[in-house]
Amino acid sequence: MSASKATNRVGSMFWAIVASANFVTSGQSQMYVEVDKLTASNGIADDHFGYSVSVDGGVIAVGAEQAATSKGSAYLYDVQTGQELHELYPSVARSGDRFGRAIASDGGIVAVACPYEDSDSGVDTGAVYVYDAITGDQLLRIRANDRAAGDFFGSSVALGDGLLVVGATGANGEIGAAYVFDVATGNQLAKLTPNTGAQFDRFGWSVAVDNGIAVVGARSHASNGINNSGAAYLFNAANGAQLFKLVPSDIAQSDLFGHAVAIDGGIVAVGSRRDDDLGNDSGSVYLFNASNGVFIDKLRASDGAAEERFGSAVAMHNGRLVVGAHLDDESGPTSGSAYLFDVATRTEITKLVPSDGFDGDEFGWFVDLNDDVIVVGAYLDDDQGNDSGSVYVFDEVCLADTNGDGMVSPADFSAWVAAFNAMTSACDQNGDGTCSPADFSAWVANYNSGC
């Protein structure tokens, strides 16, 4: 059939449907697509680029904790173009410091952890470096007032509301601690410690902050006397007072509840990467009310299975939650995946997998999102050598806006027909990975749903 005949036939179908009575649409009018893959301009084997990631204000920050003989490095990229803007270095750098092991960004500021940095207080005291996200200039070097050897200050970092929260899993007699700083001045405001901590709890393994509340994960805490079950704690970030201790009712041995935490819009998400609901170490994520610590719901992957470690990474923004499952076998053994959820309805929106995923990449080890952009680290990807690492960028697109002009209009129908005839990706309106007549009905549903 010629292109003109195909256009006429599909056009007649379209206007017949539009002219008919009202009908219920079931199509998903928006979806996330992979728009970029980032690698370091000077990346080499074993860098672990993508071990940590963050996105805010049009800038993506990426940590490469084993670059330069494990001194570590960090990079800034433009979200829109994927252009590498700056490579960040600490003012003090030694082999083995692991600069870039954790990273956070907010309000034009980037914080990069260096947890194995030595100081006059001893080995592995740790530090966090603060940079201007636009210029790449170092602004501050932050260390704990009571720093000591083996603190691993910088085990985790979080930024929000002008505050910097830093985890130090070896501090406080190896119970762990977290510290709150004014990110503008570097002044320490509070030291966070749990009321019920014990040695080797790994308190500070994960941290998050929003609206004056700091969340701290202690993934190895023995909640209810159960070894390595884990816990998470909520604190008043201003004065350091503990507000709530979060422990799920179905906590079990070695769940590692608290391995990852996030907070946004009054909701706390806690990853339990070795929960066994869908098989051994399948993983789960728990949601809690930040104002009272009350449990809301428990999330699992719709296709979850043993050993996937769903909940190894979590991030929330504007009512959406991204969860990493870095050992999922979607594209081969331990290739990894990530899932997007609507927080209000607790429904799974989509599953994210890389276009070129491969065995052992561990896509989903670290995740973040801001507005419509999701970034996912695959720190064992091999594009620049074994375990060099990469970061994938996903963006939300309006499926019905087939011509990409930012509006949904009848002109998009002609653009869809052209995509159908050319069998291009814009034709796929139902997300099944193919271009077929079924996509016509999906396009109509997406058109009616709008964006």
Protein backbone atom coordinates (compact mmCIF):
# COMPACT_ATOMS: atom_id res chain seq x y z
CA MET A 1 0.00 0.00 0.00
CA SER A 2 1.33 3.47 -0.86
CA ALA A 3 1.98 6.05 1.83
CA SER A 4 -0.81 8.30 0.50
CA LYS A 5 -3.36 5.46 0.58
CA ALA A 6 -2.24 4.52 4.11
CA THR A 7 -2.64 8.13 5.21
CA ASN A 8 -6.10 8.39 3.71
CA ARG A 9 -7.20 5.11 5.27
CA VAL A 10 -5.94 5.98 8.75
CA GLY A 11 -7.30 9.50 8.41
CA SER A 12 -10.79 8.19 7.66
CA MET A 13 -10.55 5.92 10.68
CA PHE A 14 -9.52 8.85 12.88
CA TRP A 15 -12.32 11.19 11.92
CA ALA A 16 -14.87 8.40 12.20
CA ILE A 17 -13.77 7.74 15.77
CA VAL A 18 -13.63 11.41 16.74
CA ALA A 19 -17.12 11.95 15.34
CA SER A 20 -18.53 9.05 17.34
CA ALA A 21 -20.02 9.22 20.82
CA ASN A 22 -17.89 9.80 23.92
CA PHE A 23 -15.77 6.84 24.95
CA VAL A 24 -13.56 5.90 27.88
CA THR A 25 -9.83 6.12 27.28
CA SER A 26 -7.38 3.75 28.84
CA GLY A 27 -4.15 4.97 27.30
CA GLN A 28 -1.27 6.44 29.34
CA SER A 29 -0.84 9.90 27.83
CA GLN A 30 2.70 10.41 29.13
CA MET A 31 5.66 8.11 29.49
CA TYR A 32 9.36 8.20 30.33
CA VAL A 33 11.91 7.63 27.60
CA GLU A 34 15.67 7.35 27.70
CA VAL A 35 17.06 10.61 26.32
CA ASP A 36 20.76 10.40 27.12
CA LYS A 37 23.57 8.25 28.41
CA LEU A 38 26.39 10.01 30.22
CA THR A 39 29.99 8.90 30.54
CA ALA A 40 33.03 10.79 31.79
CA SER A 41 35.14 12.54 29.17
CA ASN A 42 38.22 10.96 30.74
CA GLY A 43 36.62 7.76 32.00
CA ILE A 44 38.58 4.53 32.24
CA ALA A 45 38.11 1.04 33.66
CA ASP A 46 37.15 0.68 37.33
CA ASP A 47 36.15 4.35 37.81
CA HIS A 48 32.64 3.45 39.06
CA PHE A 49 31.19 6.52 37.37
CA GLY A 50 27.54 6.63 38.48
CA TYR A 51 28.14 5.19 41.94
CA SER A 52 26.22 8.28 43.11
CA VAL A 53 23.94 10.62 41.15
CA SER A 54 21.83 13.72 41.74
CA VAL A 55 19.81 16.12 39.60
CA ASP A 56 18.56 19.62 40.37
CA GLY A 57 18.10 22.92 38.57
CA GLY A 58 19.08 21.64 35.15
CA VAL A 59 22.36 20.12 36.35
CA ILE A 60 23.20 16.44 36.83
CA ALA A 61 25.92 15.60 39.35
CA VAL A 62 27.72 12.25 39.15
CA GLY A 63 30.22 10.65 41.48
CA ALA A 64 33.02 8.30 40.32
CA GLU A 65 34.35 7.07 43.65
CA GLN A 66 37.18 4.92 42.28
CA ALA A 67 38.54 7.29 39.64
CA ALA A 68 42.21 8.29 39.75
CA THR A 69 43.37 5.31 41.87
CA SER A 70 40.37 5.71 44.17
CA LYS A 71 41.01 9.36 44.92
CA GLY A 72 37.62 9.75 43.31
CA SER A 73 36.07 12.39 41.11
CA ALA A 74 32.75 14.06 40.38
CA TYR A 75 31.24 15.60 37.26
CA LEU A 76 28.52 18.09 36.38
CA TYR A 77 26.38 17.85 33.22
CA ASP A 78 23.76 19.98 31.51
CA VAL A 79 20.41 18.15 31.66
CA GLN A 80 19.22 19.44 28.29
CA THR A 81 22.33 18.86 26.20
CA GLY A 82 24.19 16.17 28.14
CA GLN A 83 27.33 18.33 27.90
CA GLU A 84 29.94 17.82 30.58
CA LEU A 85 30.27 21.16 32.38
CA HIS A 86 32.88 20.58 35.06
CA GLU A 87 34.97 17.90 36.69
CA LEU A 88 35.15 18.49 40.44
CA TYR A 89 38.21 17.87 42.56
CA PRO A 90 38.66 18.30 46.32
CA SER A 91 41.26 20.71 47.69
CA VAL A 92 42.76 17.75 49.55
CA ALA A 93 42.98 14.52 47.55
CA ARG A 94 44.80 11.27 48.25
CA SER A 95 44.59 7.80 46.83
CA GLY A 96 41.81 5.85 48.51
CA ASP A 97 39.75 8.85 49.70
CA ARG A 98 36.74 7.80 47.55
CA PHE A 99 35.66 11.35 46.73
CA GLY A 100 32.27 11.03 45.01
CA ARG A 101 31.03 8.02 46.98
CA ALA A 102 27.91 10.05 47.84
CA ILE A 103 26.56 13.19 46.18
CA ALA A 104 23.63 15.60 46.55
CA SER A 105 22.45 18.80 44.87
CA ASP A 106 19.90 21.48 45.68
CA GLY A 107 19.45 25.21 45.06
CA GLY A 108 22.56 25.64 42.92
CA ILE A 109 24.79 23.78 45.38
CA VAL A 110 26.46 20.39 45.01
CA ALA A 111 27.81 18.43 47.98
CA VAL A 112 30.34 15.65 47.34
CA ALA A 113 31.36 13.19 50.04
CA CYS A 114 34.90 12.03 50.66
CA PRO A 115 34.39 9.53 53.51
CA TYR A 116 37.86 7.97 53.53
CA GLU A 117 39.78 11.24 53.75
CA ASP A 118 42.41 11.34 56.52
CA SER A 119 43.00 14.31 58.81
CA ASP A 120 45.01 15.37 61.86
CA SER A 121 42.42 13.39 63.85
CA GLY A 122 43.33 10.11 62.17
CA VAL A 123 42.61 7.93 59.16
CA ASP A 124 39.19 7.77 57.49
CA THR A 125 37.74 10.73 59.39
CA GLY A 126 36.05 11.95 56.20
CA ALA A 127 34.97 15.28 54.75
CA VAL A 128 32.34 16.79 52.47
CA TYR A 129 33.09 19.37 49.80
CA VAL A 130 30.55 21.96 48.66
CA TYR A 131 30.58 23.43 45.14
CA ASP A 132 28.75 26.01 43.06
CA ALA A 133 26.72 23.98 40.56
CA ILE A 134 27.12 26.58 37.81
CA THR A 135 30.79 27.52 38.05
CA GLY A 136 32.10 24.33 39.60
CA ASP A 137 34.03 26.38 42.17
CA GLN A 138 34.70 24.83 45.57
CA LEU A 139 32.92 26.84 48.27
CA LEU A 140 33.48 24.88 51.47
CA ARG A 141 35.26 21.91 53.00
CA ILE A 142 33.09 20.59 55.82
CA ARG A 143 34.14 18.30 58.66
CA ALA A 144 32.52 17.33 61.97
CA ASN A 145 33.47 19.37 65.03
CA ASP A 146 34.17 16.17 66.98
CA ARG A 147 35.82 14.27 64.15
CA ALA A 148 37.80 11.16 64.94
CA ALA A 149 39.54 8.33 63.14
CA GLY A 150 37.21 5.82 61.51
CA ASP A 151 34.15 8.10 61.46
CA PHE A 152 33.64 7.77 57.69
CA PHE A 153 32.03 11.20 57.73
CA GLY A 154 30.43 11.42 54.29
CA SER A 155 28.99 7.91 54.22
CA SER A 156 25.89 9.67 52.90
CA VAL A 157 24.84 13.24 52.12
CA ALA A 158 21.59 15.14 51.58
CA LEU A 159 20.73 18.75 50.79
CA GLY A 160 17.47 20.66 51.30
CA ASP A 161 16.14 23.96 52.60
CA GLY A 162 19.64 25.37 53.02
CA LEU A 163 20.72 22.42 55.17
CA LEU A 164 23.36 19.78 54.59
CA VAL A 165 22.96 16.44 56.37
CA VAL A 166 25.95 14.11 56.49
CA GLY A 167 26.04 10.50 57.66
CA ALA A 168 29.07 9.11 59.50
CA THR A 169 28.60 5.37 60.02
CA GLY A 170 31.72 4.89 62.14
CA ALA A 171 31.16 7.78 64.56
CA ASN A 172 29.71 7.67 68.07
CA GLY A 173 31.49 4.49 69.15
CA GLU A 174 30.72 2.84 65.79
CA ILE A 175 26.99 3.25 66.35
CA GLY A 176 27.04 5.95 63.74
CA ALA A 177 25.87 9.56 63.66
CA ALA A 178 24.61 12.24 61.33
CA TYR A 179 25.42 15.92 61.31
CA VAL A 180 23.43 18.97 60.20
CA PHE A 181 25.14 22.04 58.75
CA ASP A 182 24.15 25.42 57.40
CA VAL A 183 25.27 24.94 53.80
CA ALA A 184 25.83 28.67 53.28
CA THR A 185 28.29 29.08 56.15
CA GLY A 186 29.41 25.54 56.89
CA ASN A 187 28.48 25.96 60.55
CA GLN A 188 27.50 22.76 62.35
CA LEU A 189 23.95 23.06 63.71
CA ALA A 190 23.27 19.65 65.25
CA LYS A 191 24.59 16.15 65.75
CA LEU A 192 21.98 13.42 65.30
CA THR A 193 22.23 10.20 67.30
CA PRO A 194 19.59 7.52 67.96
CA ASN A 195 18.02 7.00 71.37
CA THR A 196 18.36 3.23 71.01
CA GLY A 197 21.57 2.78 69.05
CA ALA A 198 24.11 -0.01 69.35
CA GLN A 199 27.58 -0.66 67.98
CA PHE A 200 27.71 -1.49 64.26
CA ASP A 201 24.16 -0.22 63.60
CA ARG A 202 25.48 1.71 60.58
CA PHE A 203 23.35 4.66 61.63
CA GLY A 204 23.97 7.27 58.93
CA TRP A 205 24.19 4.78 56.09
CA SER A 206 21.51 6.85 54.37
CA VAL A 207 20.17 10.36 54.99
CA ALA A 208 17.50 12.69 53.58
CA VAL A 209 16.08 16.08 54.55
CA ASP A 210 12.97 18.09 53.70
CA ASN A 211 10.88 20.76 55.40
CA GLY A 212 12.95 20.74 58.58
CA ILE A 213 12.86 16.95 59.06
CA ALA A 214 15.97 14.80 58.69
CA VAL A 215 15.69 11.07 58.01
CA VAL A 216 18.54 8.74 58.94
CA GLY A 217 18.78 5.07 58.06
CA ALA A 218 20.47 2.50 60.30
CA ARG A 219 20.35 -0.55 58.11
CA SER A 220 22.13 -2.94 60.51
CA HIS A 221 20.21 -2.02 63.69
CA ALA A 222 18.67 -5.01 65.50
CA SER A 223 15.07 -3.81 65.68
CA ASN A 224 13.03 -5.89 68.11
CA GLY A 225 16.21 -7.85 68.79
CA ILE A 226 16.33 -9.12 65.18
CA ASN A 227 19.85 -9.00 63.72
CA ASN A 228 20.45 -6.68 60.76
CA SER A 229 16.75 -5.97 60.39
CA GLY A 230 17.32 -2.22 60.32
CA ALA A 231 15.57 0.97 61.35
CA ALA A 232 15.07 4.57 60.26
CA TYR A 233 14.77 7.67 62.42
CA LEU A 234 13.15 11.09 62.00
CA PHE A 235 14.73 14.14 63.62
CA ASN A 236 14.05 17.82 64.00
CA ALA A 237 16.88 19.05 61.79
CA ALA A 238 17.18 22.37 63.63
CA ASN A 239 17.74 21.09 67.18
CA GLY A 240 18.60 17.43 66.65
CA ALA A 241 15.68 16.06 68.67
CA GLN A 242 14.55 12.57 67.71
CA LEU A 243 10.93 12.58 66.60
CA PHE A 244 10.17 8.99 65.62
CA LYS A 245 11.82 5.62 65.13
CA LEU A 246 10.45 3.77 62.11
CA VAL A 247 10.27 -0.01 62.23
CA PRO A 248 7.79 -1.98 60.09
CA SER A 249 5.57 -4.56 61.76
CA ASP A 250 6.86 -7.34 59.49
CA ILE A 251 10.55 -6.63 60.00
CA ALA A 252 12.74 -9.72 59.63
CA GLN A 253 16.36 -10.73 59.97
CA SER A 254 18.75 -9.22 57.41
CA ASP A 255 16.08 -7.05 55.74
CA LEU A 256 18.46 -4.05 55.87
CA PHE A 257 15.50 -1.71 56.31
CA GLY A 258 17.03 1.79 56.11
CA HIS A 259 19.58 1.02 53.41
CA ALA A 260 18.04 3.91 51.45
CA VAL A 261 15.76 6.76 52.55
CA ALA A 262 13.94 9.70 50.97
CA ILE A 263 11.51 12.37 52.15
CA ASP A 264 9.29 14.74 50.17
CA GLY A 265 5.89 16.33 50.64
CA GLY A 266 5.35 14.90 54.10
CA ILE A 267 6.06 11.30 53.03
CA VAL A 268 9.06 9.18 54.01
CA ALA A 269 10.23 6.27 51.84
CA VAL A 270 12.53 3.62 53.31
CA GLY A 271 14.19 0.90 51.26
CA SER A 272 14.42 -2.64 52.65
CA ARG A 273 16.58 -4.19 49.96
CA ARG A 274 16.70 -7.71 51.38
CA ASP A 275 13.05 -8.12 52.30
CA ASP A 276 11.82 -11.54 51.15
CA ASP A 277 8.16 -10.98 50.20
CA LEU A 278 8.66 -11.98 46.56
CA GLY A 279 11.55 -14.34 47.11
CA ASN A 280 14.85 -14.22 48.95
CA ASP A 281 16.26 -10.66 48.92
CA SER A 282 13.60 -9.46 46.47
CA GLY A 283 13.31 -6.17 48.36
CA SER A 284 10.60 -3.65 49.18
CA VAL A 285 9.97 0.00 50.05
CA TYR A 286 7.88 1.27 52.98
CA LEU A 287 6.04 4.59 53.09
CA PHE A 288 5.41 6.55 56.31
CA ASN A 289 3.76 9.82 57.31
CA ALA A 290 6.56 12.24 58.21
CA SER A 291 4.42 14.20 60.68
CA ASN A 292 3.57 11.27 62.95
CA GLY A 293 5.67 8.30 61.84
CA VAL A 294 2.60 6.23 60.96
CA PHE A 295 3.00 3.47 58.37
CA ILE A 296 1.16 4.12 55.06
CA ASP A 297 1.95 1.32 52.63
CA LYS A 298 4.51 -1.20 51.41
CA LEU A 299 5.60 -1.23 47.77
CA ARG A 300 7.02 -4.08 45.74
CA ALA A 301 7.89 -4.44 42.07
CA SER A 302 5.01 -5.71 39.93
CA ASP A 303 7.37 -8.32 38.47
CA GLY A 304 9.59 -8.67 41.51
CA ALA A 305 11.61 -11.83 42.09
CA ALA A 306 14.31 -13.22 44.34
CA GLU A 307 17.70 -11.49 44.57
CA GLU A 308 16.66 -8.30 42.75
CA ARG A 309 17.30 -5.96 45.74
CA PHE A 310 14.36 -3.65 45.00
CA GLY A 311 14.78 -0.71 47.39
CA SER A 312 18.56 -0.40 47.13
CA ALA A 313 17.98 3.22 46.09
CA VAL A 314 15.01 5.56 46.51
CA ALA A 315 14.28 9.15 45.50
CA MET A 316 11.10 11.26 45.67
CA HIS A 317 9.97 14.54 44.14
CA ASN A 318 6.58 16.10 43.50
CA GLY A 319 4.57 13.01 44.32
CA ARG A 320 6.67 10.52 42.42
CA LEU A 321 9.02 7.87 43.74
CA VAL A 322 11.87 6.13 41.91
CA VAL A 323 13.17 2.83 43.27
CA GLY A 324 16.34 1.06 42.16
CA ALA A 325 16.60 -2.73 41.81
CA HIS A 326 20.22 -3.02 40.80
CA LEU A 327 20.38 -6.82 40.69
CA ASP A 328 17.29 -7.35 38.53
CA ASP A 329 17.98 -9.67 35.58
CA GLU A 330 15.86 -7.72 33.07
CA SER A 331 18.66 -7.33 30.50
CA GLY A 332 20.84 -10.17 31.75
CA PRO A 333 22.13 -11.33 35.14
CA THR A 334 22.39 -8.37 37.58
CA SER A 335 21.84 -5.88 34.75
CA GLY A 336 19.44 -3.90 36.95
CA SER A 337 16.29 -1.82 36.63
CA ALA A 338 14.34 0.99 38.28
CA TYR A 339 10.64 1.58 38.93
CA LEU A 340 8.55 4.74 39.04
CA PHE A 341 5.55 5.02 41.39
CA ASP A 342 2.79 7.54 42.04
CA VAL A 343 3.13 8.23 45.76
CA ALA A 344 -0.49 9.28 46.33
CA THR A 345 -2.01 6.17 44.75
CA ARG A 346 0.99 3.87 45.37
CA THR A 347 0.61 2.59 41.83
CA GLU A 348 3.54 1.58 39.64
CA ILE A 349 3.73 3.94 36.66
CA THR A 350 6.50 2.32 34.67
CA LYS A 351 9.62 0.21 34.79
CA LEU A 352 12.85 1.77 33.56
CA VAL A 353 15.51 -0.28 31.82
CA PRO A 354 18.43 0.97 29.73
CA SER A 355 18.41 0.59 25.96
CA ASP A 356 21.76 -1.21 26.05
CA GLY A 357 21.58 -2.93 29.42
CA PHE A 358 23.96 -5.82 29.90
CA ASP A 359 25.06 -8.45 32.38
CA GLY A 360 26.53 -7.02 35.57
CA ASP A 361 25.88 -3.31 34.87
CA GLU A 362 23.87 -2.87 38.11
CA PHE A 363 21.67 -0.15 36.64
CA GLY A 364 19.65 1.23 39.57
CA TRP A 365 22.38 1.27 42.21
CA PHE A 366 21.69 4.98 42.70
CA VAL A 367 18.73 7.05 41.46
CA ASP A 368 17.39 10.58 41.62
CA LEU A 369 14.65 12.67 40.04
CA ASN A 370 13.71 16.32 39.71
CA ASP A 371 10.62 17.60 37.93
CA ASP A 372 10.29 15.34 34.87
CA VAL A 373 13.89 14.11 34.77
CA ILE A 374 15.08 10.78 36.23
CA VAL A 375 18.76 9.83 36.45
CA VAL A 376 19.94 6.28 37.12
CA GLY A 377 23.48 5.15 37.79
CA ALA A 378 24.96 1.98 36.29
CA TYR A 379 28.36 2.10 37.95
CA LEU A 380 29.54 -1.25 36.55
CA ASP A 381 28.74 -0.50 32.90
CA ASP A 382 31.73 -1.25 30.64
CA ASP A 383 31.54 1.40 27.89
CA GLN A 384 34.97 2.84 28.74
CA GLY A 385 36.49 -0.30 30.12
CA ASN A 386 35.51 -2.87 32.72
CA ASP A 387 33.33 -1.27 35.44
CA SER A 388 33.97 2.25 34.13
CA GLY A 389 30.32 3.16 34.73
CA SER A 390 27.63 5.31 33.15
CA VAL A 391 24.47 7.28 33.96
CA TYR A 392 21.18 7.14 32.07
CA VAL A 393 18.81 10.09 31.77
CA PHE A 394 15.06 9.63 31.31
CA ASP A 395 12.54 12.36 30.59
CA GLU A 396 8.77 12.44 30.52
CA VAL A 397 7.25 12.92 27.10
CA CYS A 398 3.69 13.59 26.01
CA LEU A 399 2.86 10.69 23.69
CA ALA A 400 0.06 12.50 21.83
CA ASP A 401 2.37 15.44 21.00
CA THR A 402 3.77 13.49 18.07
CA ASN A 403 5.28 16.49 16.29
CA GLY A 404 7.01 17.72 19.46
CA ASP A 405 5.76 21.31 19.35
CA GLY A 406 4.71 21.30 23.01
CA MET A 407 0.99 21.24 22.25
CA VAL A 408 -1.63 18.56 21.62
CA SER A 409 -3.56 19.46 18.48
CA PRO A 410 -5.00 17.86 15.32
CA ALA A 411 -1.65 18.49 13.66
CA ASP A 412 -0.26 15.70 15.81
CA PHE A 413 -2.49 13.22 13.98
CA SER A 414 -0.71 13.92 10.69
CA ALA A 415 2.59 13.55 12.50
CA TRP A 416 1.49 10.19 13.93
CA VAL A 417 0.46 8.97 10.47
CA ALA A 418 3.89 9.93 9.15
CA ALA A 419 5.49 8.05 12.04
CA PHE A 420 3.26 5.05 11.31
CA ASN A 421 4.24 5.00 7.65
CA ALA A 422 7.93 5.39 8.50
CA MET A 423 7.70 2.91 11.39
CA THR A 424 9.56 5.29 13.72
CA SER A 425 9.50 5.26 17.53
CA ALA A 426 6.90 8.05 17.71
CA CYS A 427 4.38 5.59 16.31
CA ASP A 428 4.52 3.43 19.44
CA GLN A 429 1.71 4.94 21.52
CA ASN A 430 0.93 1.95 23.72
CA GLY A 431 4.49 1.32 24.86
CA ASP A 432 4.77 -2.25 23.61
CA GLY A 433 7.95 -1.54 21.66
CA THR A 434 6.37 -2.05 18.23
CA CYS A 435 4.52 0.05 15.65
CA SER A 436 1.18 -1.52 14.72
CA PRO A 437 -2.46 -0.58 14.00
CA ALA A 438 -3.14 -0.95 17.74
CA ASP A 439 -1.11 2.22 18.25
CA PHE A 440 -3.78 4.19 16.40
CA SER A 441 -6.37 3.51 19.11
CA ALA A 442 -3.70 4.24 21.72
CA TRP A 443 -2.92 7.58 20.06
CA VAL A 444 -6.60 8.56 20.13
CA ALA A 445 -6.80 7.67 23.82
CA ASN A 446 -3.64 9.68 24.52
CA TYR A 447 -4.98 12.62 22.49
CA ASN A 448 -8.19 12.66 24.52
CA SER A 449 -6.27 12.40 27.79
CA GLY A 450 -4.13 15.40 26.89
CA CYS A 451 -0.87 16.27 28.63
